[in-house]
């Protein structure tokens, strides 16, 4: 199709909230889709609602019409829209889910800002260093003789020569890297997932998302494997979601899922204990909501710690690079001064 099916978190949150308002006011699904189509300025939403309206007009069922957009209408929502004739459960679900998406978008934005800051600074510093190698270092090179230079100086001069001779390759590469870092969220996420401290932070975000989604879905009283699968599919980390889905296959109760999650180290031990206690006391949705708040607070604190660390690391790293370059360029001058003295 010519349009993107997946909406951003903030777009999805607004879309779900508006649909919840309309369904709660008594509008039918076709009426709600028509209003959202006419009132929305978002081309993706207009295209999606227009396509679904066309399918419904053609006689397709609601579940069939929504099946082409699983990232917008997950199977649980499609089921509710097709079976909840009075739209009470659907509107309640949409209100909660919209709140959750907006909260997740806020956390995700803070995560991306944490990852983006050092990358942007380092990329900009690389561009500045390239400029120095092209225009400043050659000025020093004119005063140096080719023989007898210290190794650090020879290294800097060699880099300068390569930058001047291959600027048509290096400059576009640095600009492309800078644009990739500033524009690509997937690139930042991939970098973060490979660093130990950030990996733990991103894992907490996935656990938070799963626990909150599961707390919203459990009161709907759907089959447990299906409920867990849908909660997992709402998690943005697809690799993590697939691990949860595999653990939920062929289970009969929450105790079995807890054992699978603990065995495969998918969920923290505290989370697994909450699953067991909540299942026994029939208050699992409330305990999961509390667990989500716990992880949300932990994410906030970890973001502050990681941000402070990355800021300090970036400043120290740039200082070391600049210091090395200055020392390398002035070593021959110090040597010459010592010789003359």
C-alpha atoms as a PDB file:
ATOM      1  CA  UNK A   1       0.000   0.000   0.000  1.00  0.00           C
ATOM      2  CA  UNK A   2       1.050   3.567  -0.568  1.00  0.00           C
ATOM      3  CA  UNK A   3       0.599   4.633   3.041  1.00  0.00           C
ATOM      4  CA  UNK A   4       2.198   3.572   6.265  1.00  0.00           C
ATOM      5  CA  UNK A   5       0.090   1.275   8.421  1.00  0.00           C
ATOM      6  CA  UNK A   6       1.902   1.798  11.694  1.00  0.00           C
ATOM      7  CA  UNK A   7       1.163   4.918  13.713  1.00  0.00           C
ATOM      8  CA  UNK A   8       3.532   6.552  16.147  1.00  0.00           C
ATOM      9  CA  UNK A   9       2.743   6.145  19.839  1.00  0.00           C
ATOM     10  CA  UNK A  10       1.422   9.684  20.207  1.00  0.00           C
ATOM     11  CA  UNK A  11      -0.646   9.325  17.014  1.00  0.00           C
ATOM     12  CA  UNK A  12      -2.099   6.027  18.224  1.00  0.00           C
ATOM     13  CA  UNK A  13      -2.879   7.483  21.651  1.00  0.00           C
ATOM     14  CA  UNK A  14      -4.796  10.410  20.158  1.00  0.00           C
ATOM     15  CA  UNK A  15      -6.591   8.115  17.697  1.00  0.00           C
ATOM     16  CA  UNK A  16      -7.698   5.694  20.430  1.00  0.00           C
ATOM     17  CA  UNK A  17      -8.801   8.494  22.744  1.00  0.00           C
ATOM     18  CA  UNK A  18     -10.931  10.128  20.052  1.00  0.00           C
ATOM     19  CA  UNK A  19     -12.482   6.779  19.143  1.00  0.00           C
ATOM     20  CA  UNK A  20     -13.210   6.106  22.835  1.00  0.00           C
ATOM     21  CA  UNK A  21     -15.051   9.432  23.115  1.00  0.00           C
ATOM     22  CA  UNK A  22     -17.158   8.646  20.062  1.00  0.00           C
ATOM     23  CA  UNK A  23     -18.010   5.063  21.068  1.00  0.00           C
ATOM     24  CA  UNK A  24     -18.837   6.131  24.638  1.00  0.00           C
ATOM     25  CA  UNK A  25     -21.219   8.764  23.258  1.00  0.00           C
ATOM     26  CA  UNK A  26     -23.176   6.052  21.439  1.00  0.00           C
ATOM     27  CA  UNK A  27     -21.683   6.216  17.950  1.00  0.00           C
ATOM     28  CA  UNK A  28     -21.358   2.989  15.978  1.00  0.00           C
ATOM     29  CA  UNK A  29     -17.984   1.927  14.609  1.00  0.00           C
ATOM     30  CA  UNK A  30     -18.750   3.090  11.017  1.00  0.00           C
ATOM     31  CA  UNK A  31     -19.952   6.444  12.360  1.00  0.00           C
ATOM     32  CA  UNK A  32     -16.836   6.811  14.512  1.00  0.00           C
ATOM     33  CA  UNK A  33     -14.582   5.970  11.566  1.00  0.00           C
ATOM     34  CA  UNK A  34     -16.381   8.504   9.368  1.00  0.00           C
ATOM     35  CA  UNK A  35     -15.978  11.274  11.942  1.00  0.00           C
ATOM     36  CA  UNK A  36     -12.308  10.439  12.540  1.00  0.00           C
ATOM     37  CA  UNK A  37     -11.693  10.389   8.787  1.00  0.00           C
ATOM     38  CA  UNK A  38     -13.345  13.772   8.245  1.00  0.00           C
ATOM     39  CA  UNK A  39     -11.802  15.500  11.263  1.00  0.00           C
ATOM     40  CA  UNK A  40      -8.254  14.134  11.144  1.00  0.00           C
ATOM     41  CA  UNK A  41      -5.408  16.048   9.506  1.00  0.00           C
ATOM     42  CA  UNK A  42      -3.151  12.973   9.622  1.00  0.00           C
ATOM     43  CA  UNK A  43      -2.904  11.382   6.178  1.00  0.00           C
ATOM     44  CA  UNK A  44      -2.159   7.921   7.609  1.00  0.00           C
ATOM     45  CA  UNK A  45      -5.285   7.960   9.781  1.00  0.00           C
ATOM     46  CA  UNK A  46      -7.417   9.245   6.901  1.00  0.00           C
ATOM     47  CA  UNK A  47      -6.152   6.474   4.612  1.00  0.00           C
ATOM     48  CA  UNK A  48      -6.630   3.757   7.233  1.00  0.00           C
ATOM     49  CA  UNK A  49     -10.171   4.824   8.191  1.00  0.00           C
ATOM     50  CA  UNK A  50     -11.108   5.248   4.531  1.00  0.00           C
ATOM     51  CA  UNK A  51      -9.890   1.737   3.701  1.00  0.00           C
ATOM     52  CA  UNK A  52     -11.775   0.181   6.637  1.00  0.00           C
ATOM     53  CA  UNK A  53     -14.957   2.048   5.725  1.00  0.00           C
ATOM     54  CA  UNK A  54     -14.701   0.701   2.186  1.00  0.00           C
ATOM     55  CA  UNK A  55     -14.347  -2.868   3.475  1.00  0.00           C
ATOM     56  CA  UNK A  56     -17.356  -2.485   5.803  1.00  0.00           C
ATOM     57  CA  UNK A  57     -19.440  -1.011   2.985  1.00  0.00           C
ATOM     58  CA  UNK A  58     -18.444  -3.945   0.791  1.00  0.00           C
ATOM     59  CA  UNK A  59     -19.902  -6.292   3.387  1.00  0.00           C
ATOM     60  CA  UNK A  60     -16.754  -7.517   5.127  1.00  0.00           C
ATOM     61  CA  UNK A  61     -17.049  -8.256   8.836  1.00  0.00           C
ATOM     62  CA  UNK A  62     -15.505  -5.913  11.379  1.00  0.00           C
ATOM     63  CA  UNK A  63     -12.789  -8.422  12.288  1.00  0.00           C
ATOM     64  CA  UNK A  64     -11.934  -8.939   8.614  1.00  0.00           C
ATOM     65  CA  UNK A  65     -11.877  -5.212   7.940  1.00  0.00           C
ATOM     66  CA  UNK A  66      -9.507  -4.537  10.824  1.00  0.00           C
ATOM     67  CA  UNK A  67      -7.219  -7.526  10.218  1.00  0.00           C
ATOM     68  CA  UNK A  68      -5.108  -5.639   7.660  1.00  0.00           C
ATOM     69  CA  UNK A  69      -4.004  -3.187  10.345  1.00  0.00           C
ATOM     70  CA  UNK A  70      -2.785  -5.278  13.319  1.00  0.00           C
ATOM     71  CA  UNK A  71      -0.436  -2.504  14.444  1.00  0.00           C
ATOM     72  CA  UNK A  72      -3.397  -0.118  14.755  1.00  0.00           C
ATOM     73  CA  UNK A  73      -6.222  -2.502  15.677  1.00  0.00           C
ATOM     74  CA  UNK A  74      -4.666  -5.383  17.588  1.00  0.00           C
ATOM     75  CA  UNK A  75      -6.738  -8.609  17.707  1.00  0.00           C
ATOM     76  CA  UNK A  76      -8.054  -7.846  21.201  1.00  0.00           C
ATOM     77  CA  UNK A  77      -9.415  -4.483  20.086  1.00  0.00           C
ATOM     78  CA  UNK A  78     -10.795  -6.031  16.901  1.00  0.00           C
ATOM     79  CA  UNK A  79     -12.540  -8.680  18.993  1.00  0.00           C
ATOM     80  CA  UNK A  80     -14.085  -6.060  21.287  1.00  0.00           C
ATOM     81  CA  UNK A  81     -15.265  -3.918  18.397  1.00  0.00           C
ATOM     82  CA  UNK A  82     -16.920  -6.916  16.753  1.00  0.00           C
ATOM     83  CA  UNK A  83     -18.578  -8.405  19.883  1.00  0.00           C
ATOM     84  CA  UNK A  84     -19.175  -5.538  22.317  1.00  0.00           C
ATOM     85  CA  UNK A  85     -22.413  -4.241  20.867  1.00  0.00           C
ATOM     86  CA  UNK A  86     -22.833  -1.444  23.439  1.00  0.00           C
ATOM     87  CA  UNK A  87     -19.141  -0.485  23.181  1.00  0.00           C
ATOM     88  CA  UNK A  88     -18.808  -0.160  26.972  1.00  0.00           C
ATOM     89  CA  UNK A  89     -15.821  -2.470  27.373  1.00  0.00           C
ATOM     90  CA  UNK A  90     -14.313  -1.147  24.163  1.00  0.00           C
ATOM     91  CA  UNK A  91     -14.432   2.501  25.214  1.00  0.00           C
ATOM     92  CA  UNK A  92     -13.008   1.674  28.668  1.00  0.00           C
ATOM     93  CA  UNK A  93     -10.217  -0.322  27.061  1.00  0.00           C
ATOM     94  CA  UNK A  94      -9.472   2.505  24.626  1.00  0.00           C
ATOM     95  CA  UNK A  95      -9.337   5.113  27.392  1.00  0.00           C
ATOM     96  CA  UNK A  96      -6.833   3.039  29.376  1.00  0.00           C
ATOM     97  CA  UNK A  97      -4.815   2.103  26.311  1.00  0.00           C
ATOM     98  CA  UNK A  98      -4.673   5.729  25.112  1.00  0.00           C
ATOM     99  CA  UNK A  99      -3.383   6.823  28.528  1.00  0.00           C
ATOM    100  CA  UNK A 100      -0.773   4.097  28.418  1.00  0.00           C
ATOM    101  CA  UNK A 101       0.404   4.939  24.895  1.00  0.00           C
ATOM    102  CA  UNK A 102       0.818   8.604  25.789  1.00  0.00           C
ATOM    103  CA  UNK A 103       2.777   7.678  28.924  1.00  0.00           C
ATOM    104  CA  UNK A 104       4.942   5.272  26.923  1.00  0.00           C
ATOM    105  CA  UNK A 105       5.567   7.959  24.308  1.00  0.00           C
ATOM    106  CA  UNK A 106       6.814  10.310  27.032  1.00  0.00           C
ATOM    107  CA  UNK A 107       9.182   7.663  28.430  1.00  0.00           C
ATOM    108  CA  UNK A 108      10.364   6.678  24.957  1.00  0.00           C
ATOM    109  CA  UNK A 109      11.079  10.326  24.125  1.00  0.00           C
ATOM    110  CA  UNK A 110      13.256  10.641  27.229  1.00  0.00           C
ATOM    111  CA  UNK A 111      15.067   7.434  26.268  1.00  0.00           C
ATOM    112  CA  UNK A 112      15.764   8.683  22.745  1.00  0.00           C
ATOM    113  CA  UNK A 113      16.974  12.033  24.060  1.00  0.00           C
ATOM    114  CA  UNK A 114      19.336  10.191  26.401  1.00  0.00           C
ATOM    115  CA  UNK A 115      20.738   8.156  23.505  1.00  0.00           C
ATOM    116  CA  UNK A 116      20.805  11.021  21.015  1.00  0.00           C
ATOM    117  CA  UNK A 117      22.727  13.615  23.055  1.00  0.00           C
ATOM    118  CA  UNK A 118      26.190  11.976  23.133  1.00  0.00           C
ATOM    119  CA  UNK A 119      25.808  10.700  19.568  1.00  0.00           C
ATOM    120  CA  UNK A 120      24.983  14.176  18.254  1.00  0.00           C
ATOM    121  CA  UNK A 121      27.850  15.780  20.167  1.00  0.00           C
ATOM    122  CA  UNK A 122      30.369  13.158  18.996  1.00  0.00           C
ATOM    123  CA  UNK A 123      29.175  13.407  15.392  1.00  0.00           C
ATOM    124  CA  UNK A 124      29.461  17.204  15.476  1.00  0.00           C
ATOM    125  CA  UNK A 125      32.907  16.921  17.068  1.00  0.00           C
ATOM    126  CA  UNK A 126      33.948  14.595  14.236  1.00  0.00           C
ATOM    127  CA  UNK A 127      32.894  17.238  11.691  1.00  0.00           C
ATOM    128  CA  UNK A 128      34.925  19.884  13.558  1.00  0.00           C
ATOM    129  CA  UNK A 129      37.958  17.577  13.680  1.00  0.00           C
ATOM    130  CA  UNK A 130      37.610  16.987   9.933  1.00  0.00           C
ATOM    131  CA  UNK A 131      37.660  20.761   9.371  1.00  0.00           C
ATOM    132  CA  UNK A 132      40.792  21.076  11.519  1.00  0.00           C
ATOM    133  CA  UNK A 133      42.497  18.256   9.640  1.00  0.00           C
ATOM    134  CA  UNK A 134      41.784  19.943   6.308  1.00  0.00           C
ATOM    135  CA  UNK A 135      42.584  23.573   7.094  1.00  0.00           C
ATOM    136  CA  UNK A 136      44.535  23.873  10.365  1.00  0.00           C
ATOM    137  CA  UNK A 137      46.920  20.915  10.555  1.00  0.00           C
ATOM    138  CA  UNK A 138      48.455  21.621   7.107  1.00  0.00           C
ATOM    139  CA  UNK A 139      49.550  25.040   8.424  1.00  0.00           C
ATOM    140  CA  UNK A 140      51.595  23.292  11.124  1.00  0.00           C
ATOM    141  CA  UNK A 141      52.875  20.751   8.620  1.00  0.00           C
ATOM    142  CA  UNK A 142      54.627  23.483   6.630  1.00  0.00           C
ATOM    143  CA  UNK A 143      56.872  24.186   9.618  1.00  0.00           C
ATOM    144  CA  UNK A 144      57.749  20.554  10.299  1.00  0.00           C
ATOM    145  CA  UNK A 145      60.370  18.462   8.574  1.00  0.00           C
ATOM    146  CA  UNK A 146      59.396  14.996   7.420  1.00  0.00           C
ATOM    147  CA  UNK A 147      62.043  13.271   9.523  1.00  0.00           C
ATOM    148  CA  UNK A 148      62.430  13.159  13.260  1.00  0.00           C
ATOM    149  CA  UNK A 149      58.799  13.821  14.131  1.00  0.00           C
ATOM    150  CA  UNK A 150      57.330  12.139  17.235  1.00  0.00           C
ATOM    151  CA  UNK A 151      54.877   9.246  16.561  1.00  0.00           C
ATOM    152  CA  UNK A 152      51.786  11.214  17.741  1.00  0.00           C
ATOM    153  CA  UNK A 153      52.638  14.038  15.325  1.00  0.00           C
ATOM    154  CA  UNK A 154      53.194  11.640  12.425  1.00  0.00           C
ATOM    155  CA  UNK A 155      49.859   9.998  13.209  1.00  0.00           C
ATOM    156  CA  UNK A 156      47.966  13.335  13.129  1.00  0.00           C
ATOM    157  CA  UNK A 157      49.718  14.417   9.918  1.00  0.00           C
ATOM    158  CA  UNK A 158      48.882  11.089   8.266  1.00  0.00           C
ATOM    159  CA  UNK A 159      45.208  11.469   9.192  1.00  0.00           C
ATOM    160  CA  UNK A 160      45.289  15.030   7.833  1.00  0.00           C
ATOM    161  CA  UNK A 161      46.756  13.890   4.514  1.00  0.00           C
ATOM    162  CA  UNK A 162      44.144  11.140   4.185  1.00  0.00           C
ATOM    163  CA  UNK A 163      41.350  13.604   5.000  1.00  0.00           C
ATOM    164  CA  UNK A 164      42.590  16.026   2.328  1.00  0.00           C
ATOM    165  CA  UNK A 165      43.133  13.349  -0.323  1.00  0.00           C
ATOM    166  CA  UNK A 166      39.839  11.540   0.302  1.00  0.00           C
ATOM    167  CA  UNK A 167      37.622  14.407   1.516  1.00  0.00           C
ATOM    168  CA  UNK A 168      34.995  13.484  -1.091  1.00  0.00           C
ATOM    169  CA  UNK A 169      34.516  10.174   0.765  1.00  0.00           C
ATOM    170  CA  UNK A 170      35.076  11.238   4.376  1.00  0.00           C
ATOM    171  CA  UNK A 171      32.899  14.385   4.392  1.00  0.00           C
ATOM    172  CA  UNK A 172      29.727  12.778   2.954  1.00  0.00           C
ATOM    173  CA  UNK A 173      30.271   9.847   5.320  1.00  0.00           C
ATOM    174  CA  UNK A 174      30.438  12.122   8.375  1.00  0.00           C
ATOM    175  CA  UNK A 175      27.413  14.132   7.252  1.00  0.00           C
ATOM    176  CA  UNK A 176      25.490  10.918   6.577  1.00  0.00           C
ATOM    177  CA  UNK A 177      26.418   9.573  10.013  1.00  0.00           C
ATOM    178  CA  UNK A 178      25.277  12.813  11.658  1.00  0.00           C
ATOM    179  CA  UNK A 179      21.934  12.702   9.829  1.00  0.00           C
ATOM    180  CA  UNK A 180      21.501   9.000  10.621  1.00  0.00           C
ATOM    181  CA  UNK A 181      22.050   9.630  14.324  1.00  0.00           C
ATOM    182  CA  UNK A 182      19.730  12.633  14.492  1.00  0.00           C
ATOM    183  CA  UNK A 183      16.927  11.166  12.375  1.00  0.00           C
ATOM    184  CA  UNK A 184      16.929   7.389  12.889  1.00  0.00           C
ATOM    185  CA  UNK A 185      15.282   6.118  16.082  1.00  0.00           C
ATOM    186  CA  UNK A 186      15.982   2.505  15.090  1.00  0.00           C
ATOM    187  CA  UNK A 187      19.707   3.281  14.815  1.00  0.00           C
ATOM    188  CA  UNK A 188      19.744   4.820  18.297  1.00  0.00           C
ATOM    189  CA  UNK A 189      17.790   1.892  19.712  1.00  0.00           C
ATOM    190  CA  UNK A 190      20.245  -0.581  18.156  1.00  0.00           C
ATOM    191  CA  UNK A 191      23.190   1.283  19.686  1.00  0.00           C
ATOM    192  CA  UNK A 192      21.518   1.371  23.085  1.00  0.00           C
ATOM    193  CA  UNK A 193      20.650  -2.323  23.017  1.00  0.00           C
ATOM    194  CA  UNK A 194      24.355  -3.198  22.693  1.00  0.00           C
ATOM    195  CA  UNK A 195      25.550  -1.185  25.692  1.00  0.00           C
ATOM    196  CA  UNK A 196      25.213  -2.899  29.114  1.00  0.00           C
ATOM    197  CA  UNK A 197      23.771   0.044  31.063  1.00  0.00           C
ATOM    198  CA  UNK A 198      21.417   1.092  28.306  1.00  0.00           C
ATOM    199  CA  UNK A 199      20.427  -2.514  27.607  1.00  0.00           C
ATOM    200  CA  UNK A 200      19.139  -2.823  31.176  1.00  0.00           C
ATOM    201  CA  UNK A 201      17.227   0.432  30.758  1.00  0.00           C
ATOM    202  CA  UNK A 202      15.602  -0.710  27.506  1.00  0.00           C
ATOM    203  CA  UNK A 203      14.758  -4.069  29.085  1.00  0.00           C
ATOM    204  CA  UNK A 204      13.013  -2.261  31.963  1.00  0.00           C
ATOM    205  CA  UNK A 205      11.013  -0.322  29.387  1.00  0.00           C
ATOM    206  CA  UNK A 206       9.859  -3.584  27.758  1.00  0.00           C
ATOM    207  CA  UNK A 207       8.897  -5.111  31.129  1.00  0.00           C
ATOM    208  CA  UNK A 208       7.017  -1.928  32.032  1.00  0.00           C
ATOM    209  CA  UNK A 209       5.137  -1.964  28.732  1.00  0.00           C
ATOM    210  CA  UNK A 210       4.220  -5.643  29.037  1.00  0.00           C
ATOM    211  CA  UNK A 211       3.042  -5.363  32.651  1.00  0.00           C
ATOM    212  CA  UNK A 212       0.891  -2.310  31.942  1.00  0.00           C
ATOM    213  CA  UNK A 213      -0.651  -3.827  28.823  1.00  0.00           C
ATOM    214  CA  UNK A 214      -1.349  -7.093  30.627  1.00  0.00           C
ATOM    215  CA  UNK A 215      -3.059  -5.227  33.482  1.00  0.00           C
ATOM    216  CA  UNK A 216      -5.372  -3.586  30.928  1.00  0.00           C
ATOM    217  CA  UNK A 217      -6.177  -6.808  29.054  1.00  0.00           C
ATOM    218  CA  UNK A 218      -6.748  -9.231  31.958  1.00  0.00           C
ATOM    219  CA  UNK A 219     -10.149  -7.758  33.014  1.00  0.00           C
ATOM    220  CA  UNK A 220     -11.479  -8.560  29.519  1.00  0.00           C
ATOM    221  CA  UNK A 221     -11.507 -12.274  30.494  1.00  0.00           C
ATOM    222  CA  UNK A 222     -10.065 -13.573  27.237  1.00  0.00           C
ATOM    223  CA  UNK A 223      -8.174 -16.920  27.142  1.00  0.00           C
ATOM    224  CA  UNK A 224      -4.894 -16.567  29.038  1.00  0.00           C
ATOM    225  CA  UNK A 225      -2.474 -17.488  26.191  1.00  0.00           C
ATOM    226  CA  UNK A 226      -4.247 -15.030  23.901  1.00  0.00           C
ATOM    227  CA  UNK A 227      -4.202 -12.292  26.556  1.00  0.00           C
ATOM    228  CA  UNK A 228      -0.475 -12.721  27.170  1.00  0.00           C
ATOM    229  CA  UNK A 229       0.242 -12.804  23.444  1.00  0.00           C
ATOM    230  CA  UNK A 230      -1.673  -9.571  22.813  1.00  0.00           C
ATOM    231  CA  UNK A 231       0.039  -7.838  25.727  1.00  0.00           C
ATOM    232  CA  UNK A 232       3.389  -8.956  24.308  1.00  0.00           C
ATOM    233  CA  UNK A 233       2.575  -7.751  20.799  1.00  0.00           C
ATOM    234  CA  UNK A 234       1.953  -4.262  22.186  1.00  0.00           C
ATOM    235  CA  UNK A 235       5.613  -4.178  23.299  1.00  0.00           C
ATOM    236  CA  UNK A 236       7.759  -2.293  20.797  1.00  0.00           C
ATOM    237  CA  UNK A 237      10.808  -4.564  21.223  1.00  0.00           C
ATOM    238  CA  UNK A 238       9.797  -7.356  18.854  1.00  0.00           C
ATOM    239  CA  UNK A 239      12.552  -9.754  19.955  1.00  0.00           C
ATOM    240  CA  UNK A 240      11.430  -9.453  23.573  1.00  0.00           C
ATOM    241  CA  UNK A 241       7.784  -9.843  22.550  1.00  0.00           C
ATOM    242  CA  UNK A 242       8.543 -13.075  20.686  1.00  0.00           C
ATOM    243  CA  UNK A 243      10.247 -14.532  23.771  1.00  0.00           C
ATOM    244  CA  UNK A 244       7.125 -13.840  25.846  1.00  0.00           C
ATOM    245  CA  UNK A 245       4.859 -15.336  23.182  1.00  0.00           C
ATOM    246  CA  UNK A 246       6.935 -18.523  23.041  1.00  0.00           C
ATOM    247  CA  UNK A 247       6.738 -18.821  26.834  1.00  0.00           C
ATOM    248  CA  UNK A 248       2.937 -18.436  26.730  1.00  0.00           C
ATOM    249  CA  UNK A 249       2.353 -21.264  24.273  1.00  0.00           C
ATOM    250  CA  UNK A 250       0.719 -24.449  25.576  1.00  0.00           C
ATOM    251  CA  UNK A 251       0.048 -23.043  29.050  1.00  0.00           C
ATOM    252  CA  UNK A 252      -3.160 -23.590  31.002  1.00  0.00           C
ATOM    253  CA  UNK A 253      -2.786 -21.103  33.851  1.00  0.00           C
ATOM    254  CA  UNK A 254      -0.706 -18.195  35.106  1.00  0.00           C
ATOM    255  CA  UNK A 255       1.387 -20.477  37.331  1.00  0.00           C
ATOM    256  CA  UNK A 256       2.689 -22.301  34.258  1.00  0.00           C
ATOM    257  CA  UNK A 257       3.483 -19.024  32.504  1.00  0.00           C
ATOM    258  CA  UNK A 258       5.293 -17.800  35.605  1.00  0.00           C
ATOM    259  CA  UNK A 259       7.492 -20.906  35.600  1.00  0.00           C
ATOM    260  CA  UNK A 260       8.267 -20.520  31.891  1.00  0.00           C
ATOM    261  CA  UNK A 261       9.108 -16.830  32.324  1.00  0.00           C
ATOM    262  CA  UNK A 262      11.360 -17.566  35.298  1.00  0.00           C
ATOM    263  CA  UNK A 263      13.027 -20.532  33.585  1.00  0.00           C
ATOM    264  CA  UNK A 264      13.833 -18.567  30.411  1.00  0.00           C
ATOM    265  CA  UNK A 265      14.744 -15.393  32.353  1.00  0.00           C
ATOM    266  CA  UNK A 266      12.223 -13.316  30.431  1.00  0.00           C
ATOM    267  CA  UNK A 267      10.780 -11.479  33.419  1.00  0.00           C
ATOM    268  CA  UNK A 268      12.422 -10.374  36.705  1.00  0.00           C
ATOM    269  CA  UNK A 269      11.956 -12.604  39.747  1.00  0.00           C
ATOM    270  CA  UNK A 270       9.851  -9.948  41.484  1.00  0.00           C
ATOM    271  CA  UNK A 271       7.528  -9.806  38.492  1.00  0.00           C
ATOM    272  CA  UNK A 272       7.120 -13.596  38.491  1.00  0.00           C
ATOM    273  CA  UNK A 273       6.275 -13.527  42.197  1.00  0.00           C
ATOM    274  CA  UNK A 274       3.619 -10.879  41.568  1.00  0.00           C
ATOM    275  CA  UNK A 275       2.086 -13.088  38.864  1.00  0.00           C
ATOM    276  CA  UNK A 276       1.758 -15.944  41.342  1.00  0.00           C
ATOM    277  CA  UNK A 277       0.374 -13.806  44.181  1.00  0.00           C
ATOM    278  CA  UNK A 278      -2.033 -11.879  41.965  1.00  0.00           C
ATOM    279  CA  UNK A 279      -3.351 -15.054  40.395  1.00  0.00           C
ATOM    280  CA  UNK A 280      -3.962 -16.550  43.842  1.00  0.00           C
ATOM    281  CA  UNK A 281      -5.676 -13.449  45.265  1.00  0.00           C
ATOM    282  CA  UNK A 282      -7.684 -12.636  42.122  1.00  0.00           C
ATOM    283  CA  UNK A 283      -6.161  -9.147  41.993  1.00  0.00           C
ATOM    284  CA  UNK A 284      -3.653  -9.654  39.205  1.00  0.00           C
ATOM    285  CA  UNK A 285      -4.657  -6.613  37.146  1.00  0.00           C
ATOM    286  CA  UNK A 286      -4.200  -4.252  40.114  1.00  0.00           C
ATOM    287  CA  UNK A 287      -0.863  -5.790  41.108  1.00  0.00           C
ATOM    288  CA  UNK A 288       0.375  -5.578  37.519  1.00  0.00           C
ATOM    289  CA  UNK A 289      -0.603  -1.906  37.371  1.00  0.00           C
ATOM    290  CA  UNK A 290       1.393  -1.323  40.566  1.00  0.00           C
ATOM    291  CA  UNK A 291       4.302  -3.259  39.082  1.00  0.00           C
ATOM    292  CA  UNK A 292       4.157  -1.035  35.994  1.00  0.00           C
ATOM    293  CA  UNK A 293       4.367   2.060  38.195  1.00  0.00           C
ATOM    294  CA  UNK A 294       7.368   0.545  39.979  1.00  0.00           C
ATOM    295  CA  UNK A 295       9.194   0.021  36.671  1.00  0.00           C
ATOM    296  CA  UNK A 296       8.174   3.466  35.437  1.00  0.00           C
ATOM    297  CA  UNK A 297       9.823   5.042  38.491  1.00  0.00           C
ATOM    298  CA  UNK A 298      12.891   2.846  38.054  1.00  0.00           C
ATOM    299  CA  UNK A 299      13.148   3.848  34.392  1.00  0.00           C
ATOM    300  CA  UNK A 300      12.993   7.534  35.327  1.00  0.00           C
ATOM    301  CA  UNK A 301      15.817   7.140  37.853  1.00  0.00           C
ATOM    302  CA  UNK A 302      17.935   5.088  35.466  1.00  0.00           C
ATOM    303  CA  UNK A 303      17.473   7.648  32.703  1.00  0.00           C
ATOM    304  CA  UNK A 304      18.865  10.340  35.012  1.00  0.00           C
ATOM    305  CA  UNK A 305      21.862   8.159  35.922  1.00  0.00           C
ATOM    306  CA  UNK A 306      22.604   7.169  32.319  1.00  0.00           C
ATOM    307  CA  UNK A 307      22.186  10.761  31.101  1.00  0.00           C
ATOM    308  CA  UNK A 308      24.680  12.079  33.658  1.00  0.00           C
ATOM    309  CA  UNK A 309      27.145   9.304  32.803  1.00  0.00           C
ATOM    310  CA  UNK A 310      26.906   9.854  29.036  1.00  0.00           C
ATOM    311  CA  UNK A 311      27.297  13.614  29.388  1.00  0.00           C
ATOM    312  CA  UNK A 312      30.439  13.173  31.503  1.00  0.00           C
ATOM    313  CA  UNK A 313      31.820  10.483  29.172  1.00  0.00           C
ATOM    314  CA  UNK A 314      31.229  12.648  26.096  1.00  0.00           C
ATOM    315  CA  UNK A 315      33.002  15.669  27.597  1.00  0.00           C
ATOM    316  CA  UNK A 316      35.966  13.575  28.789  1.00  0.00           C
ATOM    317  CA  UNK A 317      36.296  11.764  25.446  1.00  0.00           C
ATOM    318  CA  UNK A 318      36.231  14.970  23.395  1.00  0.00           C
ATOM    319  CA  UNK A 319      38.712  16.559  25.813  1.00  0.00           C
ATOM    320  CA  UNK A 320      41.085  13.607  25.395  1.00  0.00           C
ATOM    321  CA  UNK A 321      40.887  13.757  21.592  1.00  0.00           C
ATOM    322  CA  UNK A 322      41.460  17.518  21.474  1.00  0.00           C
ATOM    323  CA  UNK A 323      44.242  17.253  24.054  1.00  0.00           C
ATOM    324  CA  UNK A 324      45.991  14.519  22.061  1.00  0.00           C
ATOM    325  CA  UNK A 325      45.782  16.592  18.891  1.00  0.00           C
ATOM    326  CA  UNK A 326      47.176  19.735  20.563  1.00  0.00           C
ATOM    327  CA  UNK A 327      50.039  17.820  22.187  1.00  0.00           C
ATOM    328  CA  UNK A 328      50.835  16.030  18.920  1.00  0.00           C
ATOM    329  CA  UNK A 329      51.069  19.321  17.017  1.00  0.00           C
ATOM    330  CA  UNK A 330      53.136  21.113  19.650  1.00  0.00           C
ATOM    331  CA  UNK A 331      55.575  18.289  20.457  1.00  0.00           C
ATOM    332  CA  UNK A 332      57.899  19.187  17.540  1.00  0.00           C
ATOM    333  CA  UNK A 333      57.809  22.841  18.619  1.00  0.00           C
ATOM    334  CA  UNK A 334      58.744  21.881  22.186  1.00  0.00           C
ATOM    335  CA  UNK A 335      61.481  19.640  20.826  1.00  0.00           C
ATOM    336  CA  UNK A 336      62.824  22.412  18.596  1.00  0.00           C
ATOM    337  CA  UNK A 337      62.740  24.924  21.466  1.00  0.00           C
ATOM    338  CA  UNK A 338      64.627  22.494  23.691  1.00  0.00           C
ATOM    339  CA  UNK A 339      67.195  21.905  20.956  1.00  0.00           C
ATOM    340  CA  UNK A 340      67.734  25.617  20.338  1.00  0.00           C
ATOM    341  CA  UNK A 341      67.963  26.287  24.082  1.00  0.00           C
END
